[in-house]
Amino acid sequence: MAHLTRYCMYRTISEHFPEGMTGKILGISGIEGFHPLIDMHRCEVTETAYPAVDMQQLPYGEGVFDCVISDQVIEHVKDPQTAVSESYRVLKQGGTAIHTTCFMNHIHPDPVDLWRFTPDGLRYLCRDFSRIVSCDGWGNRGAIFLCFLSRRLRYMEIPETKWSLRHFIATYNEERVPIVTWIIAKK
């Protein structure tokens, strides 16, 4: 189960992979939220962690992966354009990049916290890709209030039942106040 700030994001991204993900996948930093989408019997997953593996200089050849996932990384890199270009470089032709990031969030150095991205900013970073499959954000004022009120509330589990107040808060979206943003782009 995903927590408050990522529940809707992972759900929305999963709608673009109804058969699950297959092939060679590069996961950069904490891709546990994507594990339900990855068919481990039909995938070869390489999981790395930033900054141990620098997303701005990926140690892989060109055209190696079917999918590159960076989950909440690009706000931490010094040059996000280079990082996104590196994801493009290591993708096979027709491969998919998924980049998620925060927009409205407390400062969280890991090792540094440098950027915030709107959906338009993510589209700009991915302008060299052949197609943007999806680019969106999620958030609402109630969720923002809860997140800034208590770290524990940010990480509360969200039940699947639609009658739950927590489920409502985790799925209600005000486009102009995103907490998280994401993009799915095809090479």
C-alpha atoms as a PDB file:
ATOM      1  CA  MET A   1       0.000   0.000   0.000  1.00  0.00           C
ATOM      2  CA  ALA A   2       1.347   3.437  -0.958  1.00  0.00           C
ATOM      3  CA  HIS A   3       1.316   6.379   1.415  1.00  0.00           C
ATOM      4  CA  LEU A   4      -0.652   9.619   1.092  1.00  0.00           C
ATOM      5  CA  THR A   5       1.575  11.613  -1.252  1.00  0.00           C
ATOM      6  CA  ARG A   6       2.232   8.800  -3.724  1.00  0.00           C
ATOM      7  CA  TYR A   7      -0.966   6.735  -3.702  1.00  0.00           C
ATOM      8  CA  CYS A   8      -2.699   8.516  -6.593  1.00  0.00           C
ATOM      9  CA  MET A   9       0.543   8.924  -8.551  1.00  0.00           C
ATOM     10  CA  TYR A  10       1.351   5.198  -8.556  1.00  0.00           C
ATOM     11  CA  ARG A  11      -2.272   4.334  -9.332  1.00  0.00           C
ATOM     12  CA  THR A  12      -2.395   6.743 -12.278  1.00  0.00           C
ATOM     13  CA  ILE A  13       0.946   5.551 -13.673  1.00  0.00           C
ATOM     14  CA  SER A  14      -0.159   1.912 -13.363  1.00  0.00           C
ATOM     15  CA  GLU A  15      -3.129   2.613 -15.658  1.00  0.00           C
ATOM     16  CA  HIS A  16      -0.615   3.031 -18.500  1.00  0.00           C
ATOM     17  CA  PHE A  17       0.760  -0.482 -17.897  1.00  0.00           C
ATOM     18  CA  PRO A  18      -2.314  -2.760 -17.766  1.00  0.00           C
ATOM     19  CA  GLU A  19      -0.203  -5.831 -18.613  1.00  0.00           C
ATOM     20  CA  GLY A  20       2.588  -4.798 -16.257  1.00  0.00           C
ATOM     21  CA  MET A  21       6.141  -3.842 -17.148  1.00  0.00           C
ATOM     22  CA  THR A  22       8.452  -6.246 -18.946  1.00  0.00           C
ATOM     23  CA  GLY A  23      12.002  -6.286 -20.289  1.00  0.00           C
ATOM     24  CA  LYS A  24      15.143  -4.715 -18.860  1.00  0.00           C
ATOM     25  CA  ILE A  25      14.331  -2.082 -16.257  1.00  0.00           C
ATOM     26  CA  LEU A  26      16.656   0.415 -14.608  1.00  0.00           C
ATOM     27  CA  GLY A  27      15.280   1.682 -11.306  1.00  0.00           C
ATOM     28  CA  ILE A  28      16.945   4.703  -9.764  1.00  0.00           C
ATOM     29  CA  SER A  29      16.352   5.202  -6.033  1.00  0.00           C
ATOM     30  CA  GLY A  30      13.567   3.540  -4.148  1.00  0.00           C
ATOM     31  CA  ILE A  31      11.303   2.111  -6.846  1.00  0.00           C
ATOM     32  CA  GLU A  32       9.338  -0.047  -4.387  1.00  0.00           C
ATOM     33  CA  GLY A  33       6.156   1.762  -5.402  1.00  0.00           C
ATOM     34  CA  PHE A  34       6.591   0.349  -8.906  1.00  0.00           C
ATOM     35  CA  HIS A  35       7.135  -3.264  -7.824  1.00  0.00           C
ATOM     36  CA  PRO A  36       3.436  -4.173  -8.255  1.00  0.00           C
ATOM     37  CA  LEU A  37       3.763  -3.132 -11.930  1.00  0.00           C
ATOM     38  CA  ILE A  38       6.890  -5.168 -12.618  1.00  0.00           C
ATOM     39  CA  ASP A  39       6.428  -8.757 -13.758  1.00  0.00           C
ATOM     40  CA  MET A  40       9.491 -10.256 -12.074  1.00  0.00           C
ATOM     41  CA  HIS A  41       9.182 -13.400 -14.222  1.00  0.00           C
ATOM     42  CA  ARG A  42       9.494 -11.385 -17.444  1.00  0.00           C
ATOM     43  CA  CYS A  43      11.867  -8.651 -16.273  1.00  0.00           C
ATOM     44  CA  GLU A  44      15.489  -8.084 -15.523  1.00  0.00           C
ATOM     45  CA  VAL A  45      15.607  -5.280 -12.961  1.00  0.00           C
ATOM     46  CA  THR A  46      18.697  -3.262 -12.122  1.00  0.00           C
ATOM     47  CA  GLU A  47      18.048  -1.209  -8.980  1.00  0.00           C
ATOM     48  CA  THR A  48      20.445   1.601  -8.145  1.00  0.00           C
ATOM     49  CA  ALA A  49      20.474   4.399  -5.619  1.00  0.00           C
ATOM     50  CA  TYR A  50      21.294   8.052  -6.146  1.00  0.00           C
ATOM     51  CA  PRO A  51      23.817   9.508  -5.311  1.00  0.00           C
ATOM     52  CA  ALA A  52      25.833   6.248  -5.213  1.00  0.00           C
ATOM     53  CA  VAL A  53      25.004   5.935  -8.918  1.00  0.00           C
ATOM     54  CA  ASP A  54      24.925   9.411 -10.436  1.00  0.00           C
ATOM     55  CA  MET A  55      21.881   9.813 -12.662  1.00  0.00           C
ATOM     56  CA  GLN A  56      23.798  12.515 -14.535  1.00  0.00           C
ATOM     57  CA  GLN A  57      26.449   9.968 -15.589  1.00  0.00           C
ATOM     58  CA  LEU A  58      24.814   6.555 -15.743  1.00  0.00           C
ATOM     59  CA  PRO A  59      27.395   3.747 -15.949  1.00  0.00           C
ATOM     60  CA  TYR A  60      25.520   1.882 -18.710  1.00  0.00           C
ATOM     61  CA  GLY A  61      25.849   1.747 -22.462  1.00  0.00           C
ATOM     62  CA  GLU A  62      23.484   3.296 -24.978  1.00  0.00           C
ATOM     63  CA  GLY A  63      20.183   1.574 -25.678  1.00  0.00           C
ATOM     64  CA  VAL A  64      20.411  -1.015 -22.888  1.00  0.00           C
ATOM     65  CA  PHE A  65      17.052  -0.679 -21.070  1.00  0.00           C
ATOM     66  CA  ASP A  66      13.397  -1.015 -22.030  1.00  0.00           C
ATOM     67  CA  CYS A  67      12.379   1.215 -19.132  1.00  0.00           C
ATOM     68  CA  VAL A  68      14.112   3.720 -16.853  1.00  0.00           C
ATOM     69  CA  ILE A  69      12.363   4.746 -13.644  1.00  0.00           C
ATOM     70  CA  SER A  70      13.622   7.563 -11.450  1.00  0.00           C
ATOM     71  CA  ASP A  71      11.381   7.938  -8.434  1.00  0.00           C
ATOM     72  CA  GLN A  72      11.798  11.248  -6.605  1.00  0.00           C
ATOM     73  CA  VAL A  73      15.375  11.818  -7.802  1.00  0.00           C
ATOM     74  CA  ILE A  74      15.588  14.736 -10.244  1.00  0.00           C
ATOM     75  CA  GLU A  75      14.890  17.349  -7.585  1.00  0.00           C
ATOM     76  CA  HIS A  76      18.227  16.295  -6.033  1.00  0.00           C
ATOM     77  CA  VAL A  77      20.560  16.371  -9.055  1.00  0.00           C
ATOM     78  CA  LYS A  78      22.559  19.472  -9.958  1.00  0.00           C
ATOM     79  CA  ASP A  79      21.664  19.256 -13.656  1.00  0.00           C
ATOM     80  CA  PRO A  80      18.227  17.695 -14.181  1.00  0.00           C
ATOM     81  CA  GLN A  81      18.429  18.127 -17.976  1.00  0.00           C
ATOM     82  CA  THR A  82      21.584  16.021 -18.072  1.00  0.00           C
ATOM     83  CA  ALA A  83      19.932  13.412 -15.830  1.00  0.00           C
ATOM     84  CA  VAL A  84      16.883  13.137 -18.105  1.00  0.00           C
ATOM     85  CA  SER A  85      19.143  13.045 -21.181  1.00  0.00           C
ATOM     86  CA  GLU A  86      21.079  10.187 -19.598  1.00  0.00           C
ATOM     87  CA  SER A  87      17.843   8.255 -19.092  1.00  0.00           C
ATOM     88  CA  TYR A  88      17.122   8.831 -22.797  1.00  0.00           C
ATOM     89  CA  ARG A  89      20.593   7.646 -23.777  1.00  0.00           C
ATOM     90  CA  VAL A  90      20.394   4.304 -21.947  1.00  0.00           C
ATOM     91  CA  LEU A  91      16.888   3.543 -23.283  1.00  0.00           C
ATOM     92  CA  LYS A  92      16.316   1.278 -26.270  1.00  0.00           C
ATOM     93  CA  GLN A  93      14.440   2.833 -29.182  1.00  0.00           C
ATOM     94  CA  GLY A  94      10.757   2.769 -28.179  1.00  0.00           C
ATOM     95  CA  GLY A  95      11.713   2.458 -24.517  1.00  0.00           C
ATOM     96  CA  THR A  96       9.886   4.236 -21.707  1.00  0.00           C
ATOM     97  CA  ALA A  97      11.165   6.713 -19.124  1.00  0.00           C
ATOM     98  CA  ILE A  98       9.194   7.418 -15.964  1.00  0.00           C
ATOM     99  CA  HIS A  99      10.340  10.334 -13.835  1.00  0.00           C
ATOM    100  CA  THR A 100       8.513  11.279 -10.648  1.00  0.00           C
ATOM    101  CA  THR A 101       9.358  14.242  -8.485  1.00  0.00           C
ATOM    102  CA  CYS A 102       7.931  16.476  -5.815  1.00  0.00           C
ATOM    103  CA  PHE A 103       6.510  19.927  -6.292  1.00  0.00           C
ATOM    104  CA  MET A 104       5.134  21.074  -2.954  1.00  0.00           C
ATOM    105  CA  ASN A 105       7.277  19.485  -0.300  1.00  0.00           C
ATOM    106  CA  HIS A 106       9.483  20.385   2.624  1.00  0.00           C
ATOM    107  CA  ILE A 107      13.203  20.720   1.920  1.00  0.00           C
ATOM    108  CA  HIS A 108      14.741  17.270   2.161  1.00  0.00           C
ATOM    109  CA  PRO A 109      18.483  17.213   1.418  1.00  0.00           C
ATOM    110  CA  ASP A 110      19.586  13.823   0.136  1.00  0.00           C
ATOM    111  CA  PRO A 111      22.378  14.948  -0.215  1.00  0.00           C
ATOM    112  CA  VAL A 112      20.967  18.256  -1.560  1.00  0.00           C
ATOM    113  CA  ASP A 113      17.467  19.446  -2.531  1.00  0.00           C
ATOM    114  CA  LEU A 114      17.662  21.810  -5.516  1.00  0.00           C
ATOM    115  CA  TRP A 115      14.542  21.854  -7.703  1.00  0.00           C
ATOM    116  CA  ARG A 116      10.749  21.650  -7.978  1.00  0.00           C
ATOM    117  CA  PHE A 117       9.003  20.742 -11.237  1.00  0.00           C
ATOM    118  CA  THR A 118       5.569  21.483 -12.636  1.00  0.00           C
ATOM    119  CA  PRO A 119       4.146  19.180 -15.331  1.00  0.00           C
ATOM    120  CA  ASP A 120       5.179  21.825 -17.897  1.00  0.00           C
ATOM    121  CA  GLY A 121       8.725  21.725 -16.529  1.00  0.00           C
ATOM    122  CA  LEU A 122       8.825  17.933 -16.874  1.00  0.00           C
ATOM    123  CA  ARG A 123       7.530  18.171 -20.455  1.00  0.00           C
ATOM    124  CA  TYR A 124      10.331  20.622 -21.194  1.00  0.00           C
ATOM    125  CA  LEU A 125      12.968  18.327 -19.692  1.00  0.00           C
ATOM    126  CA  CYS A 126      11.631  15.461 -21.862  1.00  0.00           C
ATOM    127  CA  ARG A 127      11.301  17.497 -25.063  1.00  0.00           C
ATOM    128  CA  ASP A 128      13.736  15.220 -26.956  1.00  0.00           C
ATOM    129  CA  PHE A 129      11.572  12.132 -26.415  1.00  0.00           C
ATOM    130  CA  SER A 130       9.366  11.130 -29.354  1.00  0.00           C
ATOM    131  CA  ARG A 131       6.134  11.076 -27.347  1.00  0.00           C
ATOM    132  CA  ILE A 132       4.823  12.102 -23.944  1.00  0.00           C
ATOM    133  CA  VAL A 133       2.484   9.314 -22.835  1.00  0.00           C
ATOM    134  CA  SER A 134       1.348  11.049 -19.673  1.00  0.00           C
ATOM    135  CA  CYS A 135       2.398  14.055 -17.637  1.00  0.00           C
ATOM    136  CA  ASP A 136       0.469  15.088 -14.582  1.00  0.00           C
ATOM    137  CA  GLY A 137       0.500  15.986 -10.926  1.00  0.00           C
ATOM    138  CA  TRP A 138      -1.489  15.246  -7.818  1.00  0.00           C
ATOM    139  CA  GLY A 139      -2.221  17.174  -4.669  1.00  0.00           C
ATOM    140  CA  ASN A 140      -4.832  19.088  -2.738  1.00  0.00           C
ATOM    141  CA  ARG A 141      -4.862  21.630   0.072  1.00  0.00           C
ATOM    142  CA  GLY A 142      -6.086  19.085   2.617  1.00  0.00           C
ATOM    143  CA  ALA A 143      -3.211  16.721   1.867  1.00  0.00           C
ATOM    144  CA  ILE A 144      -0.720  19.586   1.961  1.00  0.00           C
ATOM    145  CA  PHE A 145      -2.037  20.614   5.376  1.00  0.00           C
ATOM    146  CA  LEU A 146      -1.715  17.036   6.684  1.00  0.00           C
ATOM    147  CA  CYS A 147       1.801  16.633   5.267  1.00  0.00           C
ATOM    148  CA  PHE A 148       3.065  19.829   6.836  1.00  0.00           C
ATOM    149  CA  LEU A 149       1.221  19.154  10.084  1.00  0.00           C
ATOM    150  CA  SER A 150       2.962  15.853  10.743  1.00  0.00           C
ATOM    151  CA  ARG A 151       5.482  13.603   9.028  1.00  0.00           C
ATOM    152  CA  ARG A 152       3.502  10.638  10.361  1.00  0.00           C
ATOM    153  CA  LEU A 153       0.403  11.808   8.487  1.00  0.00           C
ATOM    154  CA  ARG A 154       2.380  12.073   5.224  1.00  0.00           C
ATOM    155  CA  TYR A 155       3.274   8.399   5.484  1.00  0.00           C
ATOM    156  CA  MET A 156      -0.089   7.074   6.623  1.00  0.00           C
ATOM    157  CA  GLU A 157      -1.303   4.067   4.669  1.00  0.00           C
ATOM    158  CA  ILE A 158      -4.241   4.558   2.336  1.00  0.00           C
ATOM    159  CA  PRO A 159      -6.978   1.909   2.389  1.00  0.00           C
ATOM    160  CA  GLU A 160      -8.501   0.789  -0.911  1.00  0.00           C
ATOM    161  CA  THR A 161     -12.057   1.350   0.328  1.00  0.00           C
ATOM    162  CA  LYS A 162     -13.578   4.398  -1.326  1.00  0.00           C
ATOM    163  CA  TRP A 163     -15.642   5.212   1.790  1.00  0.00           C
ATOM    164  CA  SER A 164     -12.529   6.086   3.759  1.00  0.00           C
ATOM    165  CA  LEU A 165     -11.702   9.739   4.432  1.00  0.00           C
ATOM    166  CA  ARG A 166      -8.013   8.872   3.937  1.00  0.00           C
ATOM    167  CA  HIS A 167      -8.827   7.374   0.518  1.00  0.00           C
ATOM    168  CA  PHE A 168     -10.770  10.505  -0.449  1.00  0.00           C
ATOM    169  CA  ILE A 169      -7.905  12.811   0.557  1.00  0.00           C
ATOM    170  CA  ALA A 170      -5.395  10.597  -1.305  1.00  0.00           C
ATOM    171  CA  THR A 171      -7.399  10.614  -4.552  1.00  0.00           C
ATOM    172  CA  TYR A 172      -8.942  14.102  -4.629  1.00  0.00           C
ATOM    173  CA  ASN A 173      -6.894  16.312  -6.951  1.00  0.00           C
ATOM    174  CA  GLU A 174      -6.589  20.080  -7.260  1.00  0.00           C
ATOM    175  CA  GLU A 175      -4.488  20.589 -10.400  1.00  0.00           C
ATOM    176  CA  ARG A 176      -3.061  23.912  -9.247  1.00  0.00           C
ATOM    177  CA  VAL A 177      -1.609  22.578  -5.977  1.00  0.00           C
ATOM    178  CA  PRO A 178       0.390  19.434  -6.822  1.00  0.00           C
ATOM    179  CA  ILE A 179       2.435  17.704  -4.179  1.00  0.00           C
ATOM    180  CA  VAL A 180       3.972  15.297  -6.697  1.00  0.00           C
ATOM    181  CA  THR A 181       4.408  15.459 -10.466  1.00  0.00           C
ATOM    182  CA  TRP A 182       5.378  12.773 -12.975  1.00  0.00           C
ATOM    183  CA  ILE A 183       5.979  12.066 -16.624  1.00  0.00           C
ATOM    184  CA  ILE A 184       5.936   8.945 -18.789  1.00  0.00           C
ATOM    185  CA  ALA A 185       7.831   9.467 -22.057  1.00  0.00           C
ATOM    186  CA  LYS A 186       8.698   7.217 -25.007  1.00  0.00           C
ATOM    187  CA  LYS A 187      12.047   7.346 -26.784  1.00  0.00           C
END
